[in-house]
């Protein structure tokens, strides 16, 4: 059984930083791409960032490009999302998700149906 557990969310002022973590178990983690999504209050879930199985390829939503960085540590079986220069519009529940493939084409990263396992989410609130 694959499990993904997010942590690191919280309340931060605009301009601040947070680092989210995702601990994975239940599959050979280093074989699979991973991604982060978020769901702002009252809105649809949206893609944030993706990373290939070995960290060699990353992809970002335009809204976070240059501010967020996705990374992974296969030895620790962890995925991270470093979020800098946070804005109130980054307020959302953030989800870690696993892809049943080592990497995706650029147009596939945002497609939620390509992710087969999801964490329970962690709340990020950015105050103005």
Foldseek 3Di string as FASTA:
>chain_A
DKAKAKDWADEEAAQAKTKMKIAIDDDLQLFWKKFKWWAAPPGDIWGAKIAFSNRPDMAGDPVQPPFWDWGDDSVRRMIMIIGGRDDQVVWTWMKMFIFPGRDDDRVCRGPPVRTDDMHPTDTHGYHD
